Amino acid sequence: MHNFEKLLFWKKSIILAKNVYIICQEISDDEKYGLISQIKRSAVSIPSNIAEGSGRNGNKEFNHFLAVSLGSAFELQTQLILVRELNLLPEEKIMTLLNEVSEIQRMIYSFKNNLK
């Protein structure tokens, strides 16, 4: 069992999820139940799967949940790119989030490889 609260990539993914929620308030209400909802779910899924996997019965199961978390990070990346392409938010705000996602992806991937 791992203490997820000590994992830097979990801490960073919590900050990312918070930043996503804050920035989504700036997107128009007509997207509230479409793209915004999906973006929020993806962002929350990243730290949630890290936490869930850390409480499982071994590294094999933890590795599986890290893979799910990584998938959610790529899903979020794609959704943020779509927000950028649709000009729903200023470029610099989206790029900040995309950089955060990219860093978390690298950290999860590296941890997964060392976990095996």
N, C-alpha and C. Protein backbone atom coordinates (compact mmCIF):
# COMPACT_ATOMS: atom_id res chain seq x y z
N MET A 1 0.84 -1.17 0.00
CA MET A 1 0.00 0.00 0.00
C MET A 1 0.89 1.25 0.00
N HIS A 2 0.48 2.24 -0.77
CA HIS A 2 1.23 3.50 -0.87
C HIS A 2 0.41 4.62 -0.24
N ASN A 3 1.08 5.59 0.34
CA ASN A 3 0.42 6.77 0.87
C ASN A 3 0.32 7.80 -0.25
N PHE A 4 -0.84 7.84 -0.91
CA PHE A 4 -1.00 8.70 -2.08
C PHE A 4 -0.79 10.17 -1.76
N GLU A 5 -1.06 10.59 -0.54
CA GLU A 5 -0.92 11.99 -0.19
C GLU A 5 0.54 12.45 -0.18
N LYS A 6 1.46 11.52 -0.18
CA LYS A 6 2.88 11.86 -0.24
C LYS A 6 3.42 11.86 -1.66
N LEU A 7 2.61 11.41 -2.62
CA LEU A 7 3.06 11.34 -4.02
C LEU A 7 2.94 12.72 -4.67
N LEU A 8 4.04 13.22 -5.16
CA LEU A 8 4.05 14.57 -5.75
C LEU A 8 3.08 14.68 -6.93
N PHE A 9 2.99 13.64 -7.75
CA PHE A 9 2.09 13.73 -8.91
C PHE A 9 0.62 13.71 -8.47
N TRP A 10 0.31 13.11 -7.32
CA TRP A 10 -1.06 13.20 -6.79
C TRP A 10 -1.33 14.64 -6.34
N LYS A 11 -0.37 15.22 -5.61
CA LYS A 11 -0.53 16.60 -5.13
C LYS A 11 -0.73 17.55 -6.31
N LYS A 12 0.09 17.36 -7.35
CA LYS A 12 -0.02 18.23 -8.52
C LYS A 12 -1.34 18.02 -9.26
N SER A 13 -1.84 16.78 -9.25
CA SER A 13 -3.10 16.52 -9.94
C SER A 13 -4.29 17.11 -9.17
N ILE A 14 -4.18 17.22 -7.85
CA ILE A 14 -5.21 17.90 -7.06
C ILE A 14 -5.22 19.39 -7.42
N ILE A 15 -4.05 19.99 -7.51
CA ILE A 15 -3.94 21.40 -7.90
C ILE A 15 -4.50 21.61 -9.30
N LEU A 16 -4.17 20.69 -10.21
CA LEU A 16 -4.69 20.77 -11.58
C LEU A 16 -6.22 20.73 -11.57
N ALA A 17 -6.80 19.79 -10.84
CA ALA A 17 -8.26 19.67 -10.79
C ALA A 17 -8.88 20.97 -10.26
N LYS A 18 -8.27 21.53 -9.24
CA LYS A 18 -8.75 22.80 -8.68
C LYS A 18 -8.67 23.91 -9.74
N ASN A 19 -7.54 23.97 -10.44
CA ASN A 19 -7.37 25.00 -11.48
C ASN A 19 -8.37 24.81 -12.62
N VAL A 20 -8.66 23.56 -12.95
CA VAL A 20 -9.65 23.28 -14.00
C VAL A 20 -11.02 23.80 -13.56
N TYR A 21 -11.40 23.51 -12.32
CA TYR A 21 -12.70 23.99 -11.83
C TYR A 21 -12.77 25.51 -11.86
N ILE A 22 -11.70 26.16 -11.47
CA ILE A 22 -11.68 27.63 -11.46
C ILE A 22 -11.81 28.19 -12.87
N ILE A 23 -11.04 27.63 -13.79
CA ILE A 23 -11.05 28.17 -15.15
C ILE A 23 -12.34 27.85 -15.90
N CYS A 24 -12.97 26.74 -15.55
CA CYS A 24 -14.23 26.38 -16.20
C CYS A 24 -15.35 27.38 -15.90
N GLN A 25 -15.21 28.13 -14.82
CA GLN A 25 -16.19 29.16 -14.51
C GLN A 25 -16.20 30.27 -15.55
N GLU A 26 -15.12 30.36 -16.31
CA GLU A 26 -15.00 31.41 -17.32
C GLU A 26 -15.61 31.00 -18.67
N ILE A 27 -15.95 29.73 -18.81
CA ILE A 27 -16.53 29.26 -20.08
C ILE A 27 -18.03 29.49 -20.03
N SER A 28 -18.60 29.87 -21.15
CA SER A 28 -20.02 30.21 -21.21
C SER A 28 -20.92 29.07 -20.74
N ASP A 29 -22.08 29.45 -20.24
CA ASP A 29 -23.02 28.48 -19.68
C ASP A 29 -23.55 27.48 -20.69
N ASP A 30 -23.54 27.80 -21.96
CA ASP A 30 -24.07 26.86 -22.95
C ASP A 30 -23.21 25.60 -23.06
N GLU A 31 -22.00 25.63 -22.54
CA GLU A 31 -21.14 24.46 -22.53
C GLU A 31 -21.13 23.75 -21.18
N LYS A 32 -21.89 24.28 -20.21
CA LYS A 32 -21.83 23.79 -18.84
C LYS A 32 -22.07 22.28 -18.72
N TYR A 33 -23.02 21.74 -19.45
CA TYR A 33 -23.34 20.32 -19.30
C TYR A 33 -22.75 19.47 -20.41
N GLY A 34 -21.97 20.06 -21.26
CA GLY A 34 -21.31 19.32 -22.31
C GLY A 34 -19.83 19.19 -22.03
N LEU A 35 -19.08 20.02 -22.66
CA LEU A 35 -17.63 19.97 -22.58
C LEU A 35 -17.12 20.25 -21.16
N ILE A 36 -17.70 21.23 -20.49
CA ILE A 36 -17.23 21.57 -19.14
C ILE A 36 -17.39 20.38 -18.20
N SER A 37 -18.51 19.74 -18.26
CA SER A 37 -18.77 18.58 -17.40
C SER A 37 -17.74 17.48 -17.65
N GLN A 38 -17.44 17.23 -18.91
CA GLN A 38 -16.47 16.19 -19.26
C GLN A 38 -15.06 16.57 -18.80
N ILE A 39 -14.71 17.84 -18.96
CA ILE A 39 -13.39 18.32 -18.53
C ILE A 39 -13.23 18.14 -17.02
N LYS A 40 -14.24 18.51 -16.27
CA LYS A 40 -14.17 18.38 -14.82
C LYS A 40 -14.05 16.92 -14.40
N ARG A 41 -14.82 16.04 -15.05
CA ARG A 41 -14.74 14.62 -14.71
C ARG A 41 -13.36 14.05 -14.99
N SER A 42 -12.78 14.43 -16.12
CA SER A 42 -11.43 13.96 -16.45
C SER A 42 -10.41 14.45 -15.44
N ALA A 43 -10.52 15.71 -15.08
CA ALA A 43 -9.56 16.30 -14.13
C ALA A 43 -9.64 15.62 -12.76
N VAL A 44 -10.84 15.35 -12.29
CA VAL A 44 -11.03 14.72 -10.99
C VAL A 44 -10.61 13.25 -11.03
N SER A 45 -10.75 12.63 -12.18
CA SER A 45 -10.41 11.21 -12.33
C SER A 45 -8.92 10.96 -12.14
N ILE A 46 -8.08 11.92 -12.45
CA ILE A 46 -6.63 11.72 -12.34
C ILE A 46 -6.22 11.45 -10.89
N PRO A 47 -6.47 12.38 -9.96
CA PRO A 47 -6.05 12.08 -8.58
C PRO A 47 -6.90 10.98 -7.93
N SER A 48 -8.15 10.85 -8.35
CA SER A 48 -9.02 9.82 -7.76
C SER A 48 -8.50 8.42 -8.05
N ASN A 49 -8.06 8.17 -9.25
CA ASN A 49 -7.55 6.86 -9.60
C ASN A 49 -6.19 6.58 -8.96
N ILE A 50 -5.40 7.62 -8.80
CA ILE A 50 -4.13 7.45 -8.08
C ILE A 50 -4.43 7.02 -6.65
N ALA A 51 -5.36 7.71 -6.01
CA ALA A 51 -5.72 7.40 -4.63
C ALA A 51 -6.31 6.00 -4.52
N GLU A 52 -7.24 5.67 -5.41
CA GLU A 52 -7.86 4.35 -5.35
C GLU A 52 -6.84 3.25 -5.54
N GLY A 53 -5.97 3.40 -6.51
CA GLY A 53 -4.96 2.39 -6.77
C GLY A 53 -3.98 2.21 -5.64
N SER A 54 -3.70 3.30 -4.93
CA SER A 54 -2.73 3.22 -3.84
C SER A 54 -3.23 2.35 -2.70
N GLY A 55 -4.53 2.20 -2.59
CA GLY A 55 -5.11 1.41 -1.52
C GLY A 55 -5.38 -0.04 -1.90
N ARG A 56 -4.99 -0.41 -3.09
CA ARG A 56 -5.23 -1.78 -3.55
C ARG A 56 -4.19 -2.74 -3.01
N ASN A 57 -4.32 -4.00 -3.39
CA ASN A 57 -3.54 -5.08 -2.79
C ASN A 57 -2.14 -5.30 -3.35
N GLY A 58 -1.61 -4.41 -4.07
CA GLY A 58 -0.26 -4.61 -4.55
C GLY A 58 0.06 -3.71 -5.72
N ASN A 59 1.32 -3.82 -6.16
CA ASN A 59 1.79 -2.95 -7.23
C ASN A 59 1.10 -3.22 -8.57
N LYS A 60 0.71 -4.46 -8.83
CA LYS A 60 0.04 -4.77 -10.09
C LYS A 60 -1.28 -4.02 -10.21
N GLU A 61 -2.06 -4.04 -9.14
CA GLU A 61 -3.33 -3.32 -9.15
C GLU A 61 -3.10 -1.81 -9.16
N PHE A 62 -2.12 -1.35 -8.40
CA PHE A 62 -1.80 0.08 -8.39
C PHE A 62 -1.40 0.53 -9.79
N ASN A 63 -0.61 -0.28 -10.45
CA ASN A 63 -0.18 0.03 -11.81
C ASN A 63 -1.38 0.18 -12.74
N HIS A 64 -2.38 -0.69 -12.57
CA HIS A 64 -3.59 -0.59 -13.40
C HIS A 64 -4.29 0.76 -13.19
N PHE A 65 -4.44 1.17 -11.94
CA PHE A 65 -5.11 2.44 -11.66
C PHE A 65 -4.27 3.63 -12.10
N LEU A 66 -2.97 3.50 -12.06
CA LEU A 66 -2.12 4.56 -12.61
C LEU A 66 -2.33 4.68 -14.11
N ALA A 67 -2.52 3.55 -14.78
CA ALA A 67 -2.78 3.56 -16.23
C ALA A 67 -4.11 4.26 -16.51
N VAL A 68 -5.12 4.00 -15.68
CA VAL A 68 -6.41 4.68 -15.84
C VAL A 68 -6.24 6.18 -15.62
N SER A 69 -5.49 6.54 -14.59
CA SER A 69 -5.22 7.94 -14.30
C SER A 69 -4.50 8.62 -15.47
N LEU A 70 -3.53 7.92 -16.02
CA LEU A 70 -2.81 8.45 -17.17
C LEU A 70 -3.74 8.64 -18.36
N GLY A 71 -4.64 7.68 -18.56
CA GLY A 71 -5.64 7.82 -19.63
C GLY A 71 -6.51 9.04 -19.43
N SER A 72 -6.91 9.28 -18.20
CA SER A 72 -7.72 10.47 -17.90
C SER A 72 -6.93 11.75 -18.17
N ALA A 73 -5.64 11.73 -17.91
CA ALA A 73 -4.80 12.90 -18.19
C ALA A 73 -4.74 13.18 -19.69
N PHE A 74 -4.65 12.14 -20.49
CA PHE A 74 -4.65 12.34 -21.95
C PHE A 74 -6.01 12.77 -22.45
N GLU A 75 -7.06 12.27 -21.81
CA GLU A 75 -8.41 12.70 -22.15
C GLU A 75 -8.57 14.20 -21.85
N LEU A 76 -8.11 14.62 -20.67
CA LEU A 76 -8.17 16.03 -20.30
C LEU A 76 -7.35 16.88 -21.27
N GLN A 77 -6.19 16.41 -21.63
CA GLN A 77 -5.35 17.13 -22.59
C GLN A 77 -6.11 17.38 -23.89
N THR A 78 -6.77 16.35 -24.39
CA THR A 78 -7.53 16.46 -25.64
C THR A 78 -8.67 17.47 -25.49
N GLN A 79 -9.37 17.42 -24.39
CA GLN A 79 -10.48 18.35 -24.16
C GLN A 79 -10.00 19.79 -24.05
N LEU A 80 -8.86 19.99 -23.41
CA LEU A 80 -8.31 21.34 -23.31
C LEU A 80 -7.84 21.85 -24.67
N ILE A 81 -7.31 20.96 -25.49
CA ILE A 81 -6.94 21.36 -26.85
C ILE A 81 -8.19 21.79 -27.62
N LEU A 82 -9.29 21.08 -27.43
CA LEU A 82 -10.54 21.45 -28.08
C LEU A 82 -11.02 22.82 -27.60
N VAL A 83 -10.91 23.08 -26.31
CA VAL A 83 -11.27 24.40 -25.78
C VAL A 83 -10.43 25.49 -26.45
N ARG A 84 -9.14 25.19 -26.61
CA ARG A 84 -8.25 26.15 -27.28
C ARG A 84 -8.67 26.34 -28.74
N GLU A 85 -8.95 25.25 -29.43
CA GLU A 85 -9.34 25.33 -30.84
C GLU A 85 -10.66 26.08 -31.04
N LEU A 86 -11.54 25.98 -30.06
CA LEU A 86 -12.84 26.67 -30.13
C LEU A 86 -12.77 28.10 -29.59
N ASN A 87 -11.58 28.49 -29.13
CA ASN A 87 -11.38 29.84 -28.57
C ASN A 87 -12.34 30.16 -27.43
N LEU A 88 -12.56 29.15 -26.56
CA LEU A 88 -13.46 29.35 -25.43
C LEU A 88 -12.78 30.03 -24.25
N LEU A 89 -11.45 29.98 -24.24
CA LEU A 89 -10.66 30.63 -23.19
C LEU A 89 -9.40 31.22 -23.81
N PRO A 90 -8.80 32.19 -23.14
CA PRO A 90 -7.55 32.76 -23.65
C PRO A 90 -6.45 31.69 -23.76
N GLU A 91 -5.66 31.80 -24.79
CA GLU A 91 -4.58 30.84 -25.09
C GLU A 91 -3.66 30.62 -23.90
N GLU A 92 -3.25 31.70 -23.22
CA GLU A 92 -2.29 31.55 -22.13
C GLU A 92 -2.86 30.74 -20.96
N LYS A 93 -4.14 30.84 -20.71
CA LYS A 93 -4.75 30.06 -19.63
C LYS A 93 -4.78 28.58 -19.99
N ILE A 94 -5.12 28.29 -21.22
CA ILE A 94 -5.16 26.89 -21.67
C ILE A 94 -3.75 26.31 -21.67
N MET A 95 -2.77 27.08 -22.13
CA MET A 95 -1.40 26.57 -22.18
C MET A 95 -0.87 26.27 -20.78
N THR A 96 -1.25 27.07 -19.81
CA THR A 96 -0.84 26.80 -18.43
C THR A 96 -1.37 25.45 -17.98
N LEU A 97 -2.65 25.19 -18.24
CA LEU A 97 -3.24 23.91 -17.86
C LEU A 97 -2.62 22.75 -18.65
N LEU A 98 -2.39 22.97 -19.93
CA LEU A 98 -1.78 21.91 -20.75
C LEU A 98 -0.37 21.57 -20.26
N ASN A 99 0.36 22.57 -19.82
CA ASN A 99 1.70 22.31 -19.26
C ASN A 99 1.61 21.52 -17.96
N GLU A 100 0.63 21.84 -17.14
CA GLU A 100 0.43 21.09 -15.89
C GLU A 100 0.09 19.63 -16.20
N VAL A 101 -0.81 19.42 -17.15
CA VAL A 101 -1.21 18.06 -17.53
C VAL A 101 -0.01 17.29 -18.05
N SER A 102 0.77 17.92 -18.89
CA SER A 102 1.94 17.26 -19.48
C SER A 102 2.94 16.83 -18.40
N GLU A 103 3.16 17.69 -17.43
CA GLU A 103 4.08 17.36 -16.34
C GLU A 103 3.56 16.16 -15.54
N ILE A 104 2.28 16.16 -15.24
CA ILE A 104 1.68 15.06 -14.49
C ILE A 104 1.75 13.76 -15.30
N GLN A 105 1.51 13.83 -16.58
CA GLN A 105 1.62 12.64 -17.44
C GLN A 105 3.01 12.03 -17.35
N ARG A 106 4.02 12.87 -17.45
CA ARG A 106 5.40 12.38 -17.38
C ARG A 106 5.70 11.75 -16.01
N MET A 107 5.21 12.38 -14.96
CA MET A 107 5.46 11.88 -13.61
C MET A 107 4.78 10.53 -13.38
N ILE A 108 3.54 10.40 -13.81
CA ILE A 108 2.82 9.13 -13.65
C ILE A 108 3.51 8.05 -14.46
N TYR A 109 3.86 8.37 -15.70
CA TYR A 109 4.51 7.39 -16.57
C TYR A 109 5.82 6.90 -15.95
N SER A 110 6.61 7.82 -15.44
CA SER A 110 7.87 7.46 -14.81
C SER A 110 7.66 6.60 -13.57
N PHE A 111 6.69 6.97 -12.75
CA PHE A 111 6.41 6.20 -11.54
C PHE A 111 5.94 4.78 -11.90
N LYS A 112 5.07 4.70 -12.91
CA LYS A 112 4.58 3.39 -13.38
C LYS A 112 5.74 2.50 -13.80
N ASN A 113 6.67 3.05 -14.53
CA ASN A 113 7.82 2.25 -15.01
C ASN A 113 8.70 1.79 -13.86
N ASN A 114 8.82 2.60 -12.83
CA ASN A 114 9.64 2.22 -11.67
C ASN A 114 8.91 1.26 -10.73
N LEU A 115 7.59 1.22 -10.84
CA LEU A 115 6.77 0.39 -9.97
C LEU A 115 6.85 -1.08 -10.35
N LYS A 116 7.09 -1.34 -11.62
CA LYS A 116 7.07 -2.71 -12.14
C LYS A 116 8.10 -3.59 -11.50
